[in-house]
Amino acid sequence: MIKIDNELTATKLQPAITRLFEASAAKIERLEKRWNPSAGTPVFTVQGEYTSRGWTEWTQGFQFGSAILQFDATGEERFLQIGRQATVDKMASHVTHIGVHDHGFNNVSTYGNLLRLMNEGRLAEDPWERRFYELALKATGAVQRDACTAPVALSASS
């Protein structure tokens, strides 16, 4: 059963939140420095180390989206630069990747959060950049829609 602590306040939570984002920063930076992109996307941990063992690279959006959210929470520009640059450099293939359900994980975590930050005034308004994020989200939405509405082929054993 959940016990509600009516004495808990945002101020009382602040030390734990600070520790959370300190730990998060260190992990994002460590992954950024140590992960070899030619190995694929970090998906699972084996003995405390990331490995790429998935059939799809559904975690790449979380990898770069985490940096964007770190900036969102802390205002530390270096995390915005990591997330923004990785989105531009590495996420395009996910926008139109058919046959997977991972579009939200990858594209909303990256393009979506960058667009949200611009809408909130946290990123400078840039018409080209806005259109870039919007186009990526529209395309991924269309691909995902088509993937969900396509007829399913039944095998002879179905």
N, C-alpha and C. Protein backbone atom coordinates (compact mmCIF):
# COMPACT_ATOMS: atom_id res chain seq x y z
N MET A 1 0.83 -1.17 0.00
CA MET A 1 0.00 0.00 0.00
C MET A 1 0.89 1.24 0.00
N ILE A 2 0.47 2.24 -0.73
CA ILE A 2 1.19 3.50 -0.80
C ILE A 2 0.81 4.35 0.41
N LYS A 3 1.83 4.85 1.07
CA LYS A 3 1.60 5.74 2.21
C LYS A 3 1.95 7.15 1.78
N ILE A 4 1.00 8.05 1.83
CA ILE A 4 1.20 9.43 1.42
C ILE A 4 1.81 10.20 2.58
N ASP A 5 2.92 10.88 2.29
CA ASP A 5 3.60 11.73 3.28
C ASP A 5 3.14 13.16 3.06
N ASN A 6 2.20 13.60 3.84
CA ASN A 6 1.65 14.95 3.69
C ASN A 6 2.61 16.04 4.17
N GLU A 7 3.70 15.65 4.80
CA GLU A 7 4.70 16.61 5.27
C GLU A 7 5.79 16.87 4.22
N LEU A 8 5.80 16.07 3.18
CA LEU A 8 6.82 16.19 2.15
C LEU A 8 6.58 17.46 1.34
N THR A 9 7.65 18.21 1.11
CA THR A 9 7.56 19.44 0.32
C THR A 9 8.65 19.42 -0.74
N ALA A 10 8.50 20.32 -1.70
CA ALA A 10 9.53 20.45 -2.74
C ALA A 10 10.87 20.83 -2.12
N THR A 11 10.85 21.68 -1.11
CA THR A 11 12.09 22.09 -0.45
C THR A 11 12.78 20.90 0.20
N LYS A 12 12.01 20.02 0.82
CA LYS A 12 12.59 18.84 1.46
C LYS A 12 13.16 17.86 0.42
N LEU A 13 12.59 17.86 -0.76
CA LEU A 13 13.07 16.98 -1.83
C LEU A 13 14.31 17.52 -2.55
N GLN A 14 14.58 18.81 -2.40
CA GLN A 14 15.66 19.44 -3.17
C GLN A 14 17.02 18.75 -3.04
N PRO A 15 17.47 18.35 -1.85
CA PRO A 15 18.77 17.66 -1.79
C PRO A 15 18.79 16.35 -2.60
N ALA A 16 17.72 15.60 -2.56
CA ALA A 16 17.66 14.35 -3.33
C ALA A 16 17.62 14.64 -4.83
N ILE A 17 16.90 15.67 -5.23
CA ILE A 17 16.82 16.04 -6.64
C ILE A 17 18.19 16.50 -7.14
N THR A 18 18.88 17.26 -6.32
CA THR A 18 20.22 17.72 -6.67
C THR A 18 21.15 16.52 -6.88
N ARG A 19 21.12 15.56 -5.96
CA ARG A 19 21.95 14.36 -6.09
C ARG A 19 21.57 13.57 -7.35
N LEU A 20 20.27 13.48 -7.64
CA LEU A 20 19.81 12.78 -8.84
C LEU A 20 20.45 13.37 -10.09
N PHE A 21 20.40 14.69 -10.24
CA PHE A 21 20.93 15.30 -11.45
C PHE A 21 22.46 15.33 -11.47
N GLU A 22 23.11 15.32 -10.32
CA GLU A 22 24.57 15.17 -10.29
C GLU A 22 24.95 13.78 -10.80
N ALA A 23 24.24 12.76 -10.33
CA ALA A 23 24.50 11.39 -10.79
C ALA A 23 24.19 11.25 -12.27
N SER A 24 23.09 11.82 -12.70
CA SER A 24 22.69 11.77 -14.10
C SER A 24 23.75 12.43 -14.99
N ALA A 25 24.23 13.59 -14.59
CA ALA A 25 25.25 14.29 -15.38
C ALA A 25 26.49 13.43 -15.56
N ALA A 26 26.93 12.82 -14.49
CA ALA A 26 28.12 11.98 -14.56
C ALA A 26 27.91 10.80 -15.50
N LYS A 27 26.73 10.19 -15.45
CA LYS A 27 26.45 9.03 -16.30
C LYS A 27 26.34 9.43 -17.77
N ILE A 28 25.70 10.54 -18.05
CA ILE A 28 25.59 11.02 -19.44
C ILE A 28 26.97 11.33 -19.99
N GLU A 29 27.79 12.02 -19.22
CA GLU A 29 29.13 12.37 -19.67
C GLU A 29 29.99 11.12 -19.86
N ARG A 30 29.88 10.17 -18.94
CA ARG A 30 30.67 8.94 -19.05
C ARG A 30 30.29 8.16 -20.32
N LEU A 31 28.99 8.05 -20.57
CA LEU A 31 28.54 7.34 -21.77
C LEU A 31 29.01 8.08 -23.03
N GLU A 32 28.93 9.39 -23.00
CA GLU A 32 29.35 10.20 -24.14
C GLU A 32 30.84 9.98 -24.44
N LYS A 33 31.65 9.87 -23.40
CA LYS A 33 33.10 9.71 -23.58
C LYS A 33 33.49 8.28 -23.93
N ARG A 34 32.79 7.30 -23.36
CA ARG A 34 33.25 5.92 -23.46
C ARG A 34 32.56 5.09 -24.53
N TRP A 35 31.34 5.45 -24.92
CA TRP A 35 30.62 4.60 -25.85
C TRP A 35 31.14 4.78 -27.26
N ASN A 36 31.41 3.68 -27.93
CA ASN A 36 31.86 3.69 -29.31
C ASN A 36 30.63 3.53 -30.21
N PRO A 37 30.23 4.58 -30.93
CA PRO A 37 29.02 4.50 -31.76
C PRO A 37 29.06 3.40 -32.81
N SER A 38 30.24 2.97 -33.22
CA SER A 38 30.31 1.90 -34.21
C SER A 38 29.83 0.57 -33.63
N ALA A 39 29.70 0.49 -32.30
CA ALA A 39 29.19 -0.72 -31.65
C ALA A 39 27.67 -0.78 -31.69
N GLY A 40 27.03 0.25 -32.24
CA GLY A 40 25.57 0.31 -32.24
C GLY A 40 25.11 1.21 -31.12
N THR A 41 23.95 0.92 -30.60
CA THR A 41 23.35 1.73 -29.54
C THR A 41 23.42 0.98 -28.22
N PRO A 42 23.74 1.68 -27.14
CA PRO A 42 23.75 1.00 -25.84
C PRO A 42 22.33 0.62 -25.44
N VAL A 43 22.10 -0.68 -25.28
CA VAL A 43 20.75 -1.17 -25.01
C VAL A 43 20.65 -1.86 -23.66
N PHE A 44 21.53 -2.81 -23.40
CA PHE A 44 21.49 -3.61 -22.18
C PHE A 44 22.78 -3.42 -21.40
N THR A 45 22.74 -3.73 -20.12
CA THR A 45 23.98 -3.76 -19.35
C THR A 45 24.33 -5.22 -19.06
N VAL A 46 25.61 -5.50 -19.14
CA VAL A 46 26.16 -6.80 -18.79
C VAL A 46 27.30 -6.52 -17.83
N GLN A 47 27.18 -7.01 -16.63
CA GLN A 47 28.16 -6.77 -15.58
C GLN A 47 28.45 -5.28 -15.42
N GLY A 48 27.39 -4.49 -15.45
CA GLY A 48 27.49 -3.06 -15.21
C GLY A 48 27.96 -2.22 -16.38
N GLU A 49 28.16 -2.81 -17.53
CA GLU A 49 28.61 -2.08 -18.72
C GLU A 49 27.57 -2.22 -19.82
N TYR A 50 27.35 -1.12 -20.54
CA TYR A 50 26.42 -1.19 -21.67
C TYR A 50 26.96 -2.08 -22.77
N THR A 51 26.03 -2.72 -23.44
CA THR A 51 26.35 -3.51 -24.62
C THR A 51 25.21 -3.32 -25.63
N SER A 52 25.49 -3.59 -26.87
CA SER A 52 24.50 -3.47 -27.92
C SER A 52 24.07 -4.87 -28.31
N ARG A 53 22.89 -5.26 -27.87
CA ARG A 53 22.41 -6.61 -28.17
C ARG A 53 20.98 -6.63 -28.67
N GLY A 54 20.45 -5.50 -29.03
CA GLY A 54 19.05 -5.44 -29.42
C GLY A 54 18.85 -5.64 -30.90
N TRP A 55 17.63 -5.93 -31.29
CA TRP A 55 17.30 -6.09 -32.70
C TRP A 55 17.00 -4.74 -33.34
N THR A 56 16.84 -3.72 -32.51
CA THR A 56 16.62 -2.37 -33.01
C THR A 56 17.29 -1.40 -32.06
N GLU A 57 17.55 -0.23 -32.55
CA GLU A 57 18.28 0.75 -31.75
C GLU A 57 17.31 1.72 -31.07
N TRP A 58 16.38 1.16 -30.32
CA TRP A 58 15.31 1.95 -29.72
C TRP A 58 15.79 2.83 -28.58
N THR A 59 16.96 2.59 -28.05
CA THR A 59 17.43 3.38 -26.91
C THR A 59 18.23 4.61 -27.31
N GLN A 60 18.53 4.78 -28.57
CA GLN A 60 19.34 5.92 -28.98
C GLN A 60 18.64 7.24 -28.65
N GLY A 61 17.34 7.30 -28.80
CA GLY A 61 16.62 8.51 -28.44
C GLY A 61 16.72 8.81 -26.95
N PHE A 62 16.73 7.78 -26.13
CA PHE A 62 16.91 8.00 -24.70
C PHE A 62 18.33 8.49 -24.40
N GLN A 63 19.30 7.92 -25.11
CA GLN A 63 20.69 8.31 -24.89
C GLN A 63 20.86 9.81 -25.10
N PHE A 64 20.38 10.31 -26.21
CA PHE A 64 20.56 11.73 -26.51
C PHE A 64 19.47 12.59 -25.87
N GLY A 65 18.28 12.02 -25.72
CA GLY A 65 17.21 12.73 -25.04
C GLY A 65 17.52 12.98 -23.57
N SER A 66 18.27 12.08 -22.95
CA SER A 66 18.65 12.27 -21.55
C SER A 66 19.51 13.52 -21.38
N ALA A 67 20.38 13.76 -22.34
CA ALA A 67 21.21 14.97 -22.28
C ALA A 67 20.33 16.22 -22.41
N ILE A 68 19.33 16.16 -23.29
CA ILE A 68 18.42 17.29 -23.46
C ILE A 68 17.63 17.53 -22.17
N LEU A 69 17.15 16.46 -21.55
CA LEU A 69 16.41 16.61 -20.29
C LEU A 69 17.31 17.07 -19.16
N GLN A 70 18.58 16.68 -19.20
CA GLN A 70 19.54 17.16 -18.18
C GLN A 70 19.67 18.68 -18.31
N PHE A 71 19.79 19.17 -19.53
CA PHE A 71 19.81 20.62 -19.75
C PHE A 71 18.51 21.25 -19.25
N ASP A 72 17.39 20.63 -19.57
CA ASP A 72 16.08 21.15 -19.18
C ASP A 72 16.01 21.33 -17.66
N ALA A 73 16.55 20.38 -16.92
CA ALA A 73 16.47 20.42 -15.46
C ALA A 73 17.52 21.32 -14.82
N THR A 74 18.70 21.40 -15.44
CA THR A 74 19.81 22.08 -14.78
C THR A 74 20.25 23.37 -15.46
N GLY A 75 19.90 23.53 -16.74
CA GLY A 75 20.36 24.70 -17.48
C GLY A 75 21.80 24.60 -17.95
N GLU A 76 22.44 23.44 -17.78
CA GLU A 76 23.83 23.28 -18.18
C GLU A 76 23.92 23.10 -19.69
N GLU A 77 24.44 24.13 -20.35
CA GLU A 77 24.47 24.19 -21.82
C GLU A 77 25.20 23.02 -22.46
N ARG A 78 26.20 22.46 -21.79
CA ARG A 78 26.96 21.37 -22.42
C ARG A 78 26.06 20.18 -22.74
N PHE A 79 25.02 19.97 -21.93
CA PHE A 79 24.10 18.86 -22.19
C PHE A 79 23.17 19.16 -23.35
N LEU A 80 22.78 20.41 -23.49
CA LEU A 80 22.00 20.81 -24.65
C LEU A 80 22.82 20.56 -25.92
N GLN A 81 24.08 20.93 -25.89
CA GLN A 81 24.93 20.75 -27.07
C GLN A 81 25.10 19.27 -27.42
N ILE A 82 25.29 18.42 -26.41
CA ILE A 82 25.40 16.99 -26.66
C ILE A 82 24.12 16.47 -27.31
N GLY A 83 22.98 16.77 -26.71
CA GLY A 83 21.71 16.26 -27.22
C GLY A 83 21.33 16.82 -28.57
N ARG A 84 21.53 18.10 -28.73
CA ARG A 84 21.16 18.75 -29.99
C ARG A 84 22.04 18.24 -31.14
N GLN A 85 23.34 18.20 -30.93
CA GLN A 85 24.25 17.77 -31.99
C GLN A 85 24.03 16.31 -32.35
N ALA A 86 23.84 15.46 -31.34
CA ALA A 86 23.60 14.04 -31.60
C ALA A 86 22.28 13.83 -32.33
N THR A 87 21.29 14.64 -32.02
CA THR A 87 20.00 14.54 -32.72
C THR A 87 20.19 14.83 -34.20
N VAL A 88 20.89 15.91 -34.51
CA VAL A 88 21.13 16.28 -35.90
C VAL A 88 22.01 15.24 -36.60
N ASP A 89 23.05 14.78 -35.91
CA ASP A 89 24.03 13.89 -36.54
C ASP A 89 23.58 12.44 -36.65
N LYS A 90 22.77 11.96 -35.68
CA LYS A 90 22.57 10.51 -35.57
C LYS A 90 21.12 10.03 -35.56
N MET A 91 20.16 10.93 -35.52
CA MET A 91 18.78 10.46 -35.33
C MET A 91 17.95 10.41 -36.61
N ALA A 92 18.45 10.92 -37.71
CA ALA A 92 17.64 10.97 -38.94
C ALA A 92 17.13 9.60 -39.37
N SER A 93 17.93 8.58 -39.22
CA SER A 93 17.50 7.24 -39.67
C SER A 93 16.29 6.73 -38.89
N HIS A 94 16.09 7.23 -37.70
CA HIS A 94 14.96 6.78 -36.89
C HIS A 94 13.63 7.42 -37.32
N VAL A 95 13.71 8.56 -37.97
CA VAL A 95 12.50 9.29 -38.33
C VAL A 95 11.62 8.49 -39.28
N THR A 96 12.22 7.82 -40.24
CA THR A 96 11.43 7.07 -41.23
C THR A 96 11.68 5.57 -41.15
N HIS A 97 12.14 5.10 -40.02
CA HIS A 97 12.41 3.67 -39.84
C HIS A 97 11.08 2.92 -39.75
N ILE A 98 10.78 2.12 -40.75
CA ILE A 98 9.51 1.40 -40.76
C ILE A 98 9.65 0.04 -40.08
N GLY A 99 8.55 -0.50 -39.69
CA GLY A 99 8.54 -1.84 -39.13
C GLY A 99 8.88 -1.93 -37.66
N VAL A 100 8.98 -0.80 -36.99
CA VAL A 100 9.26 -0.81 -35.55
C VAL A 100 8.26 0.11 -34.85
N HIS A 101 8.15 -0.06 -33.56
CA HIS A 101 7.24 0.78 -32.79
C HIS A 101 8.00 1.81 -31.96
N ASP A 102 9.27 1.99 -32.24
CA ASP A 102 10.17 2.77 -31.39
C ASP A 102 10.20 4.26 -31.71
N HIS A 103 9.31 4.74 -32.50
CA HIS A 103 9.37 6.14 -32.94
C HIS A 103 9.28 7.13 -31.79
N GLY A 104 8.38 6.91 -30.88
CA GLY A 104 8.27 7.84 -29.76
C GLY A 104 9.51 7.85 -28.89
N PHE A 105 10.04 6.66 -28.61
CA PHE A 105 11.25 6.58 -27.79
C PHE A 105 12.37 7.41 -28.41
N ASN A 106 12.55 7.25 -29.70
CA ASN A 106 13.66 7.90 -30.37
C ASN A 106 13.40 9.35 -30.72
N ASN A 107 12.26 9.64 -31.27
CA ASN A 107 12.05 10.95 -31.88
C ASN A 107 11.38 11.96 -30.98
N VAL A 108 10.47 11.52 -30.14
CA VAL A 108 9.87 12.46 -29.18
C VAL A 108 10.90 12.82 -28.11
N SER A 109 11.75 11.86 -27.74
CA SER A 109 12.79 12.12 -26.75
C SER A 109 13.82 13.13 -27.23
N THR A 110 14.00 13.23 -28.53
CA THR A 110 15.02 14.12 -29.09
C THR A 110 14.36 15.32 -29.78
N TYR A 111 13.86 15.12 -30.99
CA TYR A 111 13.25 16.23 -31.72
C TYR A 111 12.10 16.85 -30.92
N GLY A 112 11.31 16.01 -30.27
CA GLY A 112 10.16 16.51 -29.52
C GLY A 112 10.57 17.39 -28.35
N ASN A 113 11.55 16.95 -27.58
CA ASN A 113 12.00 17.77 -26.45
C ASN A 113 12.67 19.05 -26.90
N LEU A 114 13.41 19.00 -28.00
CA LEU A 114 14.02 20.23 -28.52
C LEU A 114 12.95 21.22 -28.97
N LEU A 115 11.91 20.72 -29.64
CA LEU A 115 10.82 21.60 -30.05
C LEU A 115 10.08 22.15 -28.83
N ARG A 116 9.85 21.32 -27.84
CA ARG A 116 9.18 21.79 -26.61
C ARG A 116 10.00 22.90 -25.94
N LEU A 117 11.30 22.73 -25.87
CA LEU A 117 12.15 23.75 -25.25
C LEU A 117 12.09 25.06 -26.04
N MET A 118 12.01 24.95 -27.36
CA MET A 118 11.87 26.16 -28.17
C MET A 118 10.51 26.81 -27.93
N ASN A 119 9.46 25.99 -27.86
CA ASN A 119 8.12 26.52 -27.59
C ASN A 119 8.05 27.21 -26.23
N GLU A 120 8.81 26.72 -25.27
CA GLU A 120 8.83 27.30 -23.93
C GLU A 120 9.75 28.51 -23.82
N GLY A 121 10.48 28.83 -24.89
CA GLY A 121 11.41 29.94 -24.85
C GLY A 121 12.75 29.60 -24.22
N ARG A 122 12.99 28.32 -23.97
CA ARG A 122 14.27 27.89 -23.37
C ARG A 122 15.37 27.82 -24.42
N LEU A 123 15.00 27.64 -25.69
CA LEU A 123 15.92 27.71 -26.81
C LEU A 123 15.54 28.94 -27.63
N ALA A 124 16.52 29.58 -28.19
CA ALA A 124 16.25 30.75 -29.03
C ALA A 124 15.39 30.33 -30.22
N GLU A 125 14.46 31.18 -30.57
CA GLU A 125 13.61 30.91 -31.73
C GLU A 125 14.46 30.93 -32.99
N ASP A 126 14.36 29.88 -33.75
CA ASP A 126 15.06 29.75 -35.01
C ASP A 126 14.09 29.08 -35.98
N PRO A 127 13.56 29.84 -36.95
CA PRO A 127 12.54 29.27 -37.84
C PRO A 127 12.98 28.01 -38.56
N TRP A 128 14.22 27.96 -39.03
CA TRP A 128 14.69 26.77 -39.73
C TRP A 128 14.74 25.58 -38.78
N GLU A 129 15.30 25.80 -37.61
CA GLU A 129 15.41 24.72 -36.63
C GLU A 129 14.03 24.23 -36.21
N ARG A 130 13.10 25.14 -36.00
CA ARG A 130 11.72 24.77 -35.64
C ARG A 130 11.11 23.88 -36.73
N ARG A 131 11.25 24.29 -37.99
CA ARG A 131 10.70 23.49 -39.10
C ARG A 131 11.36 22.12 -39.17
N PHE A 132 12.65 22.06 -38.89
CA PHE A 132 13.39 20.80 -38.88
C PHE A 132 12.80 19.85 -37.84
N TYR A 133 12.60 20.33 -36.62
CA TYR A 133 12.03 19.49 -35.55
C TYR A 133 10.59 19.09 -35.88
N GLU A 134 9.81 20.05 -36.37
CA GLU A 134 8.41 19.75 -36.72
C GLU A 134 8.33 18.71 -37.84
N LEU A 135 9.16 18.86 -38.86
CA LEU A 135 9.15 17.90 -39.96
C LEU A 135 9.52 16.50 -39.48
N ALA A 136 10.53 16.40 -38.63
CA ALA A 136 10.93 15.10 -38.09
C ALA A 136 9.77 14.46 -37.33
N LEU A 137 9.06 15.25 -36.53
CA LEU A 137 7.95 14.70 -35.74
C LEU A 137 6.76 14.33 -36.63
N LYS A 138 6.49 15.12 -37.65
CA LYS A 138 5.41 14.79 -38.58
C LYS A 138 5.72 13.51 -39.34
N ALA A 139 6.95 13.39 -39.81
CA ALA A 139 7.33 12.19 -40.57
C ALA A 139 7.28 10.96 -39.68
N THR A 140 7.81 11.04 -38.48
CA THR A 140 7.79 9.87 -37.60
C THR A 140 6.37 9.50 -37.22
N GLY A 141 5.51 10.49 -37.05
CA GLY A 141 4.10 10.22 -36.76
C GLY A 141 3.42 9.50 -37.91
N ALA A 142 3.71 9.93 -39.13
CA ALA A 142 3.11 9.29 -40.31
C ALA A 142 3.61 7.86 -40.46
N VAL A 143 4.90 7.65 -40.25
CA VAL A 143 5.46 6.30 -40.36
C VAL A 143 4.85 5.40 -39.30
N GLN A 144 4.76 5.91 -38.09
CA GLN A 144 4.19 5.10 -37.00
C GLN A 144 2.71 4.81 -37.25
N ARG A 145 1.99 5.81 -37.74
CA ARG A 145 0.57 5.60 -38.07
C ARG A 145 0.42 4.48 -39.09
N ASP A 146 1.23 4.54 -40.14
CA ASP A 146 1.14 3.52 -41.18
C ASP A 146 1.53 2.14 -40.65
N ALA A 147 2.51 2.11 -39.75
CA ALA A 147 2.94 0.83 -39.18
C ALA A 147 1.82 0.22 -38.33
N CYS A 148 1.05 1.07 -37.67
CA CYS A 148 -0.02 0.58 -36.79
C CYS A 148 -1.29 0.23 -37.55
N THR A 149 -1.46 0.77 -38.74
CA THR A 149 -2.71 0.53 -39.46
C THR A 149 -2.53 -0.43 -40.64
N ALA A 150 -1.30 -0.85 -40.90
CA ALA A 150 -1.05 -1.76 -42.01
C ALA A 150 -1.69 -3.12 -41.70
N PRO A 151 -2.22 -3.79 -42.72
CA PRO A 151 -2.80 -5.11 -42.49
C PRO A 151 -1.73 -6.08 -41.98
N VAL A 152 -2.11 -6.93 -41.09
CA VAL A 152 -1.20 -7.92 -40.52
C VAL A 152 -1.38 -9.21 -41.30
N ALA A 153 -0.28 -9.77 -41.79
CA ALA A 153 -0.34 -11.04 -42.50
C ALA A 153 -0.37 -12.15 -41.48
N LEU A 154 -1.30 -13.08 -41.67
CA LEU A 154 -1.40 -14.24 -40.76
C LEU A 154 -0.68 -15.40 -41.38
N SER A 155 0.04 -16.11 -40.56
CA SER A 155 0.74 -17.31 -41.07
C SER A 155 -0.25 -18.47 -41.12
N ALA A 156 0.15 -19.52 -41.80
CA ALA A 156 -0.70 -20.70 -41.92
C ALA A 156 -0.99 -21.33 -40.56
N SER A 157 -0.11 -21.11 -39.59
CA SER A 157 -0.31 -21.70 -38.28
C SER A 157 -1.19 -20.84 -37.37
N SER A 158 -1.59 -19.64 -37.82
CA SER A 158 -2.39 -18.74 -36.97
C SER A 158 -3.80 -19.22 -36.79
